[in-house]
Protein backbone atom coordinates (compact mmCIF):
# COMPACT_ATOMS: atom_id res chain seq x y z
CA MET A 1 94.78 141.48 83.95
CA THR A 2 96.30 142.34 80.70
CA ALA A 3 99.25 144.33 80.37
CA VAL A 4 99.33 147.61 78.56
CA SER A 5 101.50 148.01 75.38
CA LEU A 6 102.33 151.59 74.46
CA GLY A 7 102.44 153.26 70.96
CA THR A 8 105.80 154.16 69.64
CA PRO A 9 105.21 158.13 69.03
CA ALA A 10 107.03 160.30 71.51
CA PRO A 11 104.87 161.91 74.08
CA PRO A 12 104.56 165.68 74.00
CA SER A 13 107.35 167.77 75.57
CA PHE A 14 106.92 169.50 78.69
CA GLY A 15 106.50 172.97 77.23
CA GLU A 16 103.91 171.37 74.73
CA ARG A 17 102.25 169.66 77.70
CA LEU A 18 101.81 173.14 79.31
CA TRP A 19 100.52 174.83 76.09
CA ARG A 20 97.95 172.07 75.79
CA ILE A 21 96.46 172.49 79.17
CA ASN A 22 92.96 174.17 79.01
CA TRP A 23 93.72 177.23 80.94
CA GLY A 24 90.43 178.59 80.03
CA LEU A 25 88.67 175.75 81.54
CA ILE A 26 90.64 176.17 84.68
CA LEU A 27 89.86 179.91 84.87
CA VAL A 28 86.14 178.91 84.75
CA LEU A 29 86.67 176.32 87.65
CA SER A 30 88.30 178.99 89.56
CA ALA A 31 85.56 181.28 88.91
CA ILE A 32 82.91 178.75 90.08
CA ALA A 33 84.99 178.08 93.13
CA GLY A 34 85.17 181.95 93.86
CA ILE A 35 81.32 182.06 93.81
CA GLY A 36 81.44 179.26 96.20
CA VAL A 37 83.81 181.37 98.47
CA LEU A 38 81.47 184.35 98.37
CA ALA A 39 78.40 182.25 99.09
CA LEU A 40 79.87 180.34 102.08
CA TYR A 41 81.21 183.78 103.40
CA SER A 42 77.56 185.07 103.15
CA ALA A 43 76.12 181.73 104.51
CA ALA A 44 78.31 182.34 107.59
CA GLY A 45 76.67 185.73 108.30
CA GLY A 46 79.41 187.56 106.65
CA ARG A 47 82.38 185.89 108.26
CA PRO A 48 85.20 183.98 106.62
CA ASP A 49 84.98 181.15 109.21
CA PRO A 50 84.01 178.43 109.31
CA TRP A 51 83.51 177.71 105.75
CA ALA A 52 84.67 180.37 103.20
CA VAL A 53 88.56 180.24 104.17
CA ARG A 54 88.60 176.56 104.18
CA HIS A 55 86.84 176.52 100.97
CA ALA A 56 89.52 178.75 99.41
CA VAL A 57 92.38 176.84 100.92
CA ARG A 58 90.81 173.56 99.92
CA TYR A 59 90.59 174.91 96.06
CA GLY A 60 94.11 176.10 96.06
CA ALA A 61 95.47 172.40 97.15
CA ALA A 62 93.11 170.84 94.82
CA LEU A 63 94.18 172.95 91.80
CA ALA A 64 97.69 171.88 92.47
CA LEU A 65 96.31 168.39 92.38
CA LEU A 66 94.50 168.97 89.22
CA LEU A 67 97.80 170.48 87.43
CA GLY A 68 99.57 167.24 88.56
CA VAL A 69 97.16 164.77 87.36
CA CYS A 70 96.71 166.56 83.99
CA LEU A 71 100.27 166.08 83.22
CA VAL A 72 100.51 162.58 83.99
CA HIS A 73 100.22 160.12 80.81
CA PRO A 74 96.92 158.56 80.37
CA LYS A 75 98.67 155.19 80.32
CA VAL A 76 99.31 155.62 84.15
CA TRP A 77 95.46 155.88 84.83
CA LEU A 78 94.85 152.99 82.33
CA ASN A 79 96.92 150.93 84.67
CA LEU A 80 95.92 152.30 87.86
CA ALA A 81 92.00 152.14 87.28
CA TRP A 82 91.45 148.62 88.71
CA PRO A 83 93.65 149.47 91.70
CA ILE A 84 91.66 152.82 92.43
CA TYR A 85 88.63 150.98 91.90
CA THR A 86 89.41 148.25 94.44
CA VAL A 87 90.73 150.57 97.05
CA SER A 88 87.65 152.63 96.56
CA VAL A 89 85.39 149.66 97.21
CA LEU A 90 87.51 148.49 100.26
CA LEU A 91 86.73 152.11 101.61
CA LEU A 92 83.15 151.68 101.16
CA VAL A 93 83.15 148.41 103.07
CA ALA A 94 85.25 150.08 105.82
CA VAL A 95 82.56 152.88 106.03
CA ASP A 96 79.79 150.35 106.48
CA VAL A 97 81.70 148.72 109.27
CA VAL A 98 83.60 151.43 111.03
CA GLY A 99 82.41 154.69 109.35
CA LYS A 100 81.46 157.69 111.37
CA VAL A 101 77.65 158.08 111.83
CA GLY A 102 76.31 161.64 111.17
CA MET A 103 72.97 163.08 110.40
CA GLY A 104 71.38 159.87 110.28
CA ALA A 105 73.90 158.19 107.93
CA GLN A 106 77.17 156.31 108.06
CA ARG A 107 79.24 158.00 105.13
CA TRP A 108 82.56 159.12 106.55
CA LEU A 109 85.80 157.62 107.41
CA ILE A 110 88.21 159.32 110.08
CA LEU A 111 91.76 158.87 109.11
CA GLY A 112 93.83 160.75 111.64
CA PRO A 113 93.17 164.41 111.46
CA ILE A 114 90.96 164.05 108.29
CA GLN A 115 87.68 163.07 107.37
CA ILE A 116 86.85 161.57 103.96
CA GLN A 117 83.68 160.45 102.25
CA PRO A 118 84.71 157.33 100.00
CA SER A 119 81.58 157.59 98.08
CA GLU A 120 82.72 160.64 96.31
CA ILE A 121 85.83 158.81 95.32
CA THR A 122 83.86 155.89 93.91
CA LYS A 123 82.37 158.22 91.16
CA VAL A 124 85.51 158.70 89.68
CA ALA A 125 86.97 155.27 90.05
CA VAL A 126 83.97 153.87 88.21
CA ILE A 127 84.54 156.05 85.32
CA LEU A 128 88.11 154.99 85.10
CA VAL A 129 87.66 151.16 85.36
CA ILE A 130 84.75 151.33 82.95
CA ALA A 131 86.82 153.21 80.39
CA ARG A 132 89.51 150.90 80.70
CA TYR A 133 87.16 147.64 80.14
CA TYR A 134 85.69 149.28 76.98
CA HIS A 135 89.30 150.49 75.80
CA GLY A 136 90.29 146.81 75.56
CA LEU A 137 86.91 145.85 73.33
CA THR A 138 86.10 146.32 69.61
CA HIS A 139 82.75 147.91 69.05
CA GLU A 140 81.27 144.54 67.94
CA GLN A 141 82.04 143.21 71.42
CA ALA A 142 80.80 146.48 73.20
CA ALA A 143 77.50 145.90 71.80
CA ARG A 144 76.77 142.49 72.81
CA PHE A 145 74.80 141.59 75.93
CA LEU A 146 77.33 139.16 77.59
CA TYR A 147 80.07 141.88 77.47
CA ALA A 148 77.76 144.33 79.35
CA LEU A 149 77.57 142.24 82.32
CA PRO A 150 80.94 142.79 83.87
CA PRO A 151 80.88 146.51 83.75
CA LEU A 152 77.21 146.16 85.11
CA LEU A 153 78.47 144.54 88.17
CA ILE A 154 81.26 147.07 88.27
CA ILE A 155 78.61 149.70 88.70
CA LEU A 156 76.18 148.03 90.97
CA LEU A 157 78.79 146.86 93.76
CA PRO A 158 79.51 150.30 94.78
CA VAL A 159 75.84 151.40 94.29
CA ALA A 160 74.87 148.61 96.84
CA LEU A 161 77.39 149.55 99.19
CA VAL A 162 76.61 153.29 99.10
CA MET A 163 72.84 152.38 99.54
CA VAL A 164 73.69 150.64 102.78
CA GLN A 165 75.16 153.86 104.30
CA PRO A 166 72.53 155.21 103.14
CA ASP A 167 73.13 157.73 100.33
CA LEU A 168 70.56 157.67 97.82
CA GLY A 169 72.08 160.67 96.15
CA THR A 170 75.37 159.28 95.66
CA ALA A 171 74.10 155.97 94.65
CA MET A 172 71.91 157.32 92.00
CA MET A 173 74.85 159.44 90.61
CA VAL A 174 77.09 156.37 90.31
CA LEU A 175 74.31 154.45 88.66
CA LEU A 176 73.33 157.09 86.09
CA GLY A 177 76.84 157.94 85.44
CA GLY A 178 77.82 154.53 84.69
CA ALA A 179 74.90 153.91 82.66
CA ALA A 180 75.84 157.01 80.67
CA LEU A 181 79.24 155.79 80.06
CA LEU A 182 77.86 152.26 78.96
CA PHE A 183 75.70 154.10 76.51
CA VAL A 184 78.61 156.14 74.87
CA ALA A 185 80.79 153.05 74.84
CA GLY A 186 78.33 151.38 72.37
CA VAL A 187 75.83 149.01 74.68
CA ARG A 188 72.77 148.57 72.57
CA LEU A 189 69.66 150.80 73.24
CA TRP A 190 67.24 147.66 74.11
CA MET A 191 69.46 146.75 77.04
CA PHE A 192 68.64 150.08 78.57
CA LEU A 193 64.94 149.87 77.74
CA ALA A 194 64.93 146.49 79.65
CA ALA A 195 66.66 147.87 82.63
CA ALA A 196 64.17 150.56 82.77
CA VAL A 197 61.39 148.46 82.69
CA ALA A 198 62.66 146.25 85.33
CA ALA A 199 63.58 149.26 87.48
CA VAL A 200 59.85 150.33 87.32
CA GLY A 201 58.62 146.91 87.98
CA SER A 202 60.83 146.87 91.09
CA LEU A 203 59.85 150.03 92.62
CA PRO A 204 57.13 148.61 94.93
CA PHE A 205 59.89 145.95 95.98
CA ALA A 206 62.52 148.54 96.40
CA TRP A 207 59.90 150.91 98.62
CA THR A 208 59.79 148.25 101.37
CA PHE A 209 63.73 148.56 101.80
CA MET A 210 63.82 152.42 101.89
CA HIS A 211 64.38 154.19 105.22
CA GLU A 212 61.44 156.03 106.77
CA TYR A 213 63.27 159.35 105.96
CA GLN A 214 63.91 158.55 102.30
CA ARG A 215 60.06 157.53 102.01
CA ARG A 216 58.96 161.07 103.59
CA ARG A 217 61.28 162.83 101.06
CA VAL A 218 59.64 161.11 98.04
CA LEU A 219 56.25 161.80 99.58
CA THR A 220 57.07 165.31 100.12
CA PHE A 221 58.50 165.75 96.65
CA LEU A 222 55.18 164.42 95.35
CA ASP A 223 53.22 166.65 97.76
CA PRO A 224 55.39 169.48 99.36
CA ASP A 225 52.38 170.75 101.32
CA ARG A 226 51.73 167.65 103.13
CA ASP A 227 54.17 168.53 106.05
CA PRO A 228 55.42 171.97 105.64
CA LEU A 229 57.05 172.15 109.03
CA GLY A 230 58.41 168.60 109.09
CA ALA A 231 59.70 166.82 106.12
CA GLY A 232 58.52 169.56 103.67
CA TYR A 233 60.45 172.06 105.61
CA HIS A 234 63.64 172.08 103.62
CA ILE A 235 61.96 172.54 100.17
CA THR A 236 59.47 174.97 101.21
CA GLN A 237 62.24 177.16 102.73
CA SER A 238 64.37 176.64 99.65
CA LYS A 239 61.36 177.89 97.35
CA ILE A 240 60.58 180.84 99.53
CA ALA A 241 64.54 181.89 99.14
CA ILE A 242 64.79 181.39 95.40
CA GLY A 243 61.48 183.02 94.82
CA SER A 244 62.22 186.04 97.04
CA GLY A 245 65.67 186.69 95.26
CA GLY A 246 63.65 187.92 92.04
CA LEU A 247 65.66 188.95 89.06
CA PHE A 248 68.77 190.73 90.70
CA GLY A 249 68.63 189.25 94.14
CA LYS A 250 68.54 190.92 97.67
CA GLY A 251 72.13 191.82 97.56
CA PHE A 252 75.17 190.18 98.90
CA GLY A 253 74.90 189.23 102.44
CA HIS A 254 71.23 190.22 102.75
CA GLY A 255 69.43 186.83 102.11
CA THR A 256 67.24 186.63 105.00
CA GLN A 257 66.26 182.81 104.61
CA SER A 258 70.17 181.73 105.13
CA THR A 259 71.15 184.76 107.54
CA LEU A 260 68.33 184.03 109.67
CA ASN A 261 68.93 180.38 109.70
CA PHE A 262 65.48 179.50 108.23
CA LEU A 263 67.21 177.46 105.39
CA PRO A 264 68.68 174.19 106.59
CA GLU A 265 72.11 172.95 105.26
CA LYS A 266 72.69 176.29 103.53
CA GLN A 267 76.57 175.75 103.35
CA THR A 268 76.21 172.23 101.66
CA ASP A 269 73.12 170.86 99.57
CA PHE A 270 71.18 174.36 99.46
CA ILE A 271 74.18 176.54 98.62
CA PHE A 272 72.66 177.19 95.38
CA THR A 273 69.54 178.57 97.08
CA THR A 274 71.54 180.81 99.34
CA PHE A 275 73.36 182.10 96.32
CA VAL A 276 70.31 182.79 94.27
CA GLU A 277 68.52 184.47 97.14
CA GLU A 278 71.25 187.28 97.30
CA TRP A 279 71.98 187.33 93.47
CA GLY A 280 68.79 186.62 91.99
CA MET A 281 67.93 184.95 88.52
CA VAL A 282 70.74 186.96 86.93
CA GLY A 283 73.43 185.36 89.27
CA ALA A 284 71.86 182.04 88.84
CA LEU A 285 72.20 182.27 85.06
CA VAL A 286 75.78 183.36 85.39
CA LEU A 287 76.62 180.51 87.63
CA LEU A 288 74.80 177.99 85.43
CA GLY A 289 76.61 179.36 82.37
CA LEU A 290 79.95 178.67 84.07
CA PHE A 291 78.94 175.28 84.34
CA VAL A 292 77.59 174.98 80.78
CA LEU A 293 81.24 176.19 79.68
CA VAL A 294 82.64 173.31 81.49
CA LEU A 295 80.36 170.74 79.97
CA LEU A 296 80.98 172.13 76.44
CA TRP A 297 84.80 171.82 77.11
CA GLY A 298 84.47 168.27 78.27
CA PHE A 299 82.42 167.28 75.07
CA SER A 300 85.14 169.00 72.88
CA ILE A 301 87.89 167.28 74.57
CA ALA A 302 86.21 163.96 74.32
CA LEU A 303 85.69 164.70 70.42
CA ARG A 304 89.43 165.67 69.83
CA CYS A 305 90.83 162.78 71.76
CA GLN A 306 92.39 160.11 69.53
CA HIS A 307 92.28 157.18 71.85
CA HIS A 308 89.17 155.27 73.13
CA PHE A 309 90.18 155.45 76.97
CA GLY A 310 90.57 159.33 76.78
CA ARG A 311 87.32 159.70 75.07
CA LEU A 312 85.21 157.61 77.68
CA VAL A 313 86.92 159.23 80.43
CA ALA A 314 86.11 162.67 79.24
CA LEU A 315 82.76 161.72 78.37
CA GLY A 316 82.44 160.04 82.12
CA VAL A 317 83.79 163.12 83.78
CA THR A 318 81.44 165.45 81.82
CA SER A 319 78.47 163.25 82.45
CA MET A 320 79.52 163.33 86.19
CA MET A 321 79.71 167.20 86.33
CA PHE A 322 76.36 167.33 84.55
CA LEU A 323 74.58 164.97 86.99
CA TYR A 324 76.09 167.05 90.10
CA VAL A 325 74.83 170.44 88.71
CA PHE A 326 71.44 169.10 87.50
CA ILE A 327 70.36 166.82 90.48
CA ASN A 328 71.49 169.55 92.95
CA THR A 329 69.67 172.53 91.35
CA ALA A 330 66.54 170.54 90.52
CA MET A 331 66.57 169.18 94.04
CA VAL A 332 66.59 172.76 95.51
CA MET A 333 63.82 174.02 93.29
CA GLY A 334 61.52 171.08 94.34
CA LEU A 335 61.97 169.33 90.69
CA LEU A 336 63.62 166.26 92.41
CA PRO A 337 63.43 164.69 95.83
CA VAL A 338 66.18 166.05 98.25
CA VAL A 339 68.96 163.28 98.13
CA GLY A 340 71.86 165.37 99.38
CA VAL A 341 73.98 165.97 96.29
CA PRO A 342 76.46 169.07 96.45
CA LEU A 343 77.03 171.65 93.94
CA PRO A 344 80.61 171.21 92.68
CA LEU A 345 83.21 173.44 93.79
CA VAL A 346 80.52 175.75 95.45
CA SER A 347 79.10 173.66 98.45
CA ASN A 348 81.45 173.05 101.32
CA GLY A 349 83.11 169.90 101.63
CA GLY A 350 86.66 168.67 101.10
CA THR A 351 86.41 165.05 99.55
CA ALA A 352 83.83 166.44 96.98
CA MET A 353 86.00 169.15 95.78
CA VAL A 354 89.30 166.97 95.74
CA SER A 355 87.12 164.30 93.76
CA VAL A 356 85.63 166.99 91.25
CA MET A 357 89.34 168.52 90.73
CA PHE A 358 90.90 165.22 90.20
CA ALA A 359 88.30 164.23 87.94
CA CYS A 360 88.75 167.68 85.85
CA GLY A 361 92.54 166.93 86.03
CA LEU A 362 91.85 163.57 84.24
CA LEU A 363 89.76 165.42 81.72
CA ILE A 364 92.27 168.16 80.86
CA GLY A 365 94.96 165.31 80.73
CA MET A 366 93.11 163.65 78.02
CA ASN A 367 93.43 166.82 76.01
CA VAL A 368 97.15 167.11 76.74
CA TYR A 369 97.75 163.52 75.63
CA ARG A 370 94.92 163.69 73.07
CA ASP A 371 97.11 162.01 70.26
CA ALA A 372 98.67 159.16 72.57
CA GLN A 373 98.79 155.90 71.37
CA MET A 374 97.51 153.08 73.72
CA SER A 375 96.10 149.69 73.16
CA LEU A 376 95.44 146.56 75.19
CA PRO A 377 96.53 143.15 73.74
CA ARG A 378 93.23 141.29 72.43
């Protein structure tokens, strides 16, 4: 592993760092989390327990984490990229060996009083290590095929471990997020086209390795009416709830599909459906508009960042947020198969929230230290 050599310019003072924090972005993230509290309160039948209060407390703790992370110099994350990735892979291996089984999958680790989902951590770890890798390459090297093989292995290793659990949604996010980062790093387009052709050609082979419930989800996606009371129940109820919300919704706490428990997983995968049924299309556009602001801020930070590591981290985090929102909302509307991807800061879940806020802390930190001078010895 090569050592990191730092540039000579002095880092910004503490006061300047505080000034450079994107407080507007933090306000938007807080608004999204607040919507999550409202949706979870309603999903529990108008009760703060068991989800709304925990969600608010988790966000408070995660916000403190974000503020701490964004004040750390990027050189620290540059040096910690490989250790974080290694730990995340070891945690995935531990999940496959001794992980807790729930809802037909083995995705969680029990560490004393807490339960974590290491696959959520892996999404951020892959971003950090790929950004570090390409930070040490020239543009010409990044475009060569042989230099694309190490990051490809970096991506495929956790994807394979996550698929074993099985968790198709997270595996797809890691794969697509990693591919997006390779593209912005300078990997040639023909490599992506070749990979796409290979992926299409391997679909029959992959079908034989899919679990039966995964096959049912794909078939239900292609024909939602083939089993409306079985495999198609989730998406059928979700479409009913979204459609019944209309333009302005049924009103806070009056969503019949969720309160009468017709909608499964209303506090996690289908929280967007729960919210839209009560707040309608207007509410959906407001929530999606807040996510668009996050994405625009992410791109802005990437464009302003003067070091390659920061640009790649910012684009990686922005791509991750886009995939979260796109896959979840498309999934609950029947535009994608149900793959179990939460809506960030809205769905109930501790590990996902901490991972997202940690990633947003990295994003904001790249703006705080946007003019930092960092290099890796060639």
